Amino acid sequence: IAEMVTTIRRALHDETELNRHAGPWCRFCPILDGCAEGSTAVTLTA
């Protein structure tokens, strides 16, 4: 988990985008409204 947190903090600091991997957990994501991959995943798994 520490590695994931470090990666997210670095991306936020550098203002870079992370790779997105859609899946069934996307429905709980706070950036779902702006994420085409997540929106598609939610539609397909509904």
N, C-alpha and C. Protein backbone atom coordinates (compact mmCIF):
# COMPACT_ATOMS: atom_id res chain seq x y z
N ILE A 1 0.83 -1.19 0.00
CA ILE A 1 0.00 0.00 0.00
C ILE A 1 0.87 1.25 0.00
N ALA A 2 1.99 1.20 0.70
CA ALA A 2 2.87 2.37 0.78
C ALA A 2 3.37 2.78 -0.60
N GLU A 3 3.68 1.80 -1.44
CA GLU A 3 4.15 2.11 -2.80
C GLU A 3 3.06 2.81 -3.61
N MET A 4 1.82 2.35 -3.46
CA MET A 4 0.70 2.97 -4.17
C MET A 4 0.51 4.42 -3.71
N VAL A 5 0.57 4.64 -2.41
CA VAL A 5 0.40 5.99 -1.87
C VAL A 5 1.52 6.90 -2.38
N THR A 6 2.74 6.40 -2.39
CA THR A 6 3.87 7.19 -2.90
C THR A 6 3.67 7.54 -4.37
N THR A 7 3.21 6.58 -5.16
CA THR A 7 2.97 6.83 -6.58
C THR A 7 1.90 7.89 -6.78
N ILE A 8 0.83 7.81 -6.02
CA ILE A 8 -0.26 8.79 -6.14
C ILE A 8 0.21 10.17 -5.70
N ARG A 9 0.92 10.23 -4.60
CA ARG A 9 1.44 11.53 -4.13
C ARG A 9 2.37 12.16 -5.15
N ARG A 10 3.24 11.35 -5.74
CA ARG A 10 4.18 11.86 -6.74
C ARG A 10 3.42 12.39 -7.96
N ALA A 11 2.42 11.66 -8.41
CA ALA A 11 1.64 12.08 -9.57
C ALA A 11 0.89 13.37 -9.29
N LEU A 12 0.32 13.49 -8.09
CA LEU A 12 -0.39 14.72 -7.73
C LEU A 12 0.58 15.90 -7.65
N HIS A 13 1.74 15.67 -7.09
CA HIS A 13 2.74 16.74 -6.96
C HIS A 13 3.24 17.20 -8.33
N ASP A 14 3.53 16.23 -9.20
CA ASP A 14 4.07 16.53 -10.53
C ASP A 14 2.99 16.86 -11.55
N GLU A 15 1.72 16.72 -11.14
CA GLU A 15 0.58 16.95 -12.02
C GLU A 15 0.63 16.07 -13.27
N THR A 16 0.97 14.80 -13.06
CA THR A 16 0.98 13.84 -14.16
C THR A 16 -0.20 12.89 -13.99
N GLU A 17 -0.63 12.30 -15.10
CA GLU A 17 -1.74 11.36 -15.05
C GLU A 17 -1.22 9.95 -14.85
N LEU A 18 -1.95 9.17 -14.11
CA LEU A 18 -1.62 7.77 -13.89
C LEU A 18 -2.37 6.91 -14.90
N ASN A 19 -1.85 5.72 -15.14
CA ASN A 19 -2.56 4.78 -16.00
C ASN A 19 -3.83 4.34 -15.30
N ARG A 20 -4.90 4.25 -16.04
CA ARG A 20 -6.18 3.83 -15.48
C ARG A 20 -6.50 2.43 -15.96
N HIS A 21 -6.95 1.61 -15.03
CA HIS A 21 -7.35 0.24 -15.35
C HIS A 21 -8.77 0.05 -14.84
N ALA A 22 -9.69 -0.03 -15.75
CA ALA A 22 -11.11 -0.13 -15.38
C ALA A 22 -11.44 -1.51 -14.85
N GLY A 23 -12.43 -1.54 -13.98
CA GLY A 23 -12.89 -2.80 -13.42
C GLY A 23 -14.15 -2.58 -12.60
N PRO A 24 -14.61 -3.61 -11.93
CA PRO A 24 -15.86 -3.52 -11.18
C PRO A 24 -15.80 -2.55 -10.00
N TRP A 25 -14.62 -2.22 -9.54
CA TRP A 25 -14.46 -1.28 -8.42
C TRP A 25 -14.62 0.17 -8.84
N CYS A 26 -14.72 0.45 -10.13
CA CYS A 26 -14.84 1.83 -10.63
C CYS A 26 -16.08 2.55 -10.09
N ARG A 27 -17.13 1.82 -9.82
CA ARG A 27 -18.37 2.46 -9.34
C ARG A 27 -18.14 3.23 -8.05
N PHE A 28 -17.09 2.93 -7.30
CA PHE A 28 -16.80 3.59 -6.03
C PHE A 28 -15.76 4.70 -6.16
N CYS A 29 -15.24 4.93 -7.35
CA CYS A 29 -14.14 5.88 -7.55
C CYS A 29 -14.63 7.33 -7.55
N PRO A 30 -13.90 8.20 -6.85
CA PRO A 30 -14.31 9.61 -6.79
C PRO A 30 -14.12 10.37 -8.11
N ILE A 31 -13.36 9.82 -9.07
CA ILE A 31 -13.18 10.52 -10.35
C ILE A 31 -13.99 9.88 -11.47
N LEU A 32 -14.97 9.07 -11.12
CA LEU A 32 -15.77 8.35 -12.12
C LEU A 32 -16.41 9.28 -13.14
N ASP A 33 -16.91 10.42 -12.72
CA ASP A 33 -17.59 11.34 -13.64
C ASP A 33 -16.70 11.79 -14.79
N GLY A 34 -15.40 11.87 -14.57
CA GLY A 34 -14.49 12.33 -15.61
C GLY A 34 -13.66 11.23 -16.23
N CYS A 35 -14.05 9.99 -16.04
CA CYS A 35 -13.24 8.86 -16.49
C CYS A 35 -14.02 8.00 -17.48
N ALA A 36 -13.62 8.04 -18.74
CA ALA A 36 -14.31 7.27 -19.77
C ALA A 36 -14.16 5.77 -19.53
N GLU A 37 -12.97 5.34 -19.12
CA GLU A 37 -12.74 3.92 -18.88
C GLU A 37 -13.64 3.40 -17.76
N GLY A 38 -13.70 4.15 -16.67
CA GLY A 38 -14.52 3.75 -15.52
C GLY A 38 -16.00 3.76 -15.84
N SER A 39 -16.44 4.77 -16.57
CA SER A 39 -17.86 4.84 -16.94
C SER A 39 -18.27 3.66 -17.80
N THR A 40 -17.40 3.27 -18.72
CA THR A 40 -17.67 2.11 -19.57
C THR A 40 -17.72 0.84 -18.73
N ALA A 41 -16.78 0.70 -17.81
CA ALA A 41 -16.76 -0.49 -16.95
C ALA A 41 -18.02 -0.58 -16.11
N VAL A 42 -18.47 0.53 -15.56
CA VAL A 42 -19.69 0.53 -14.74
C VAL A 42 -20.89 0.14 -15.59
N THR A 43 -20.96 0.65 -16.81
CA THR A 43 -22.06 0.32 -17.71
C THR A 43 -22.06 -1.17 -18.04
N LEU A 44 -20.88 -1.73 -18.31
CA LEU A 44 -20.79 -3.14 -18.69
C LEU A 44 -21.06 -4.08 -17.52
N THR A 45 -20.74 -3.66 -16.31
CA THR A 45 -20.93 -4.55 -15.15
C THR A 45 -22.25 -4.32 -14.43
N ALA A 46 -23.06 -3.40 -14.94
CA ALA A 46 -24.35 -3.11 -14.28
C ALA A 46 -25.37 -4.18 -14.56
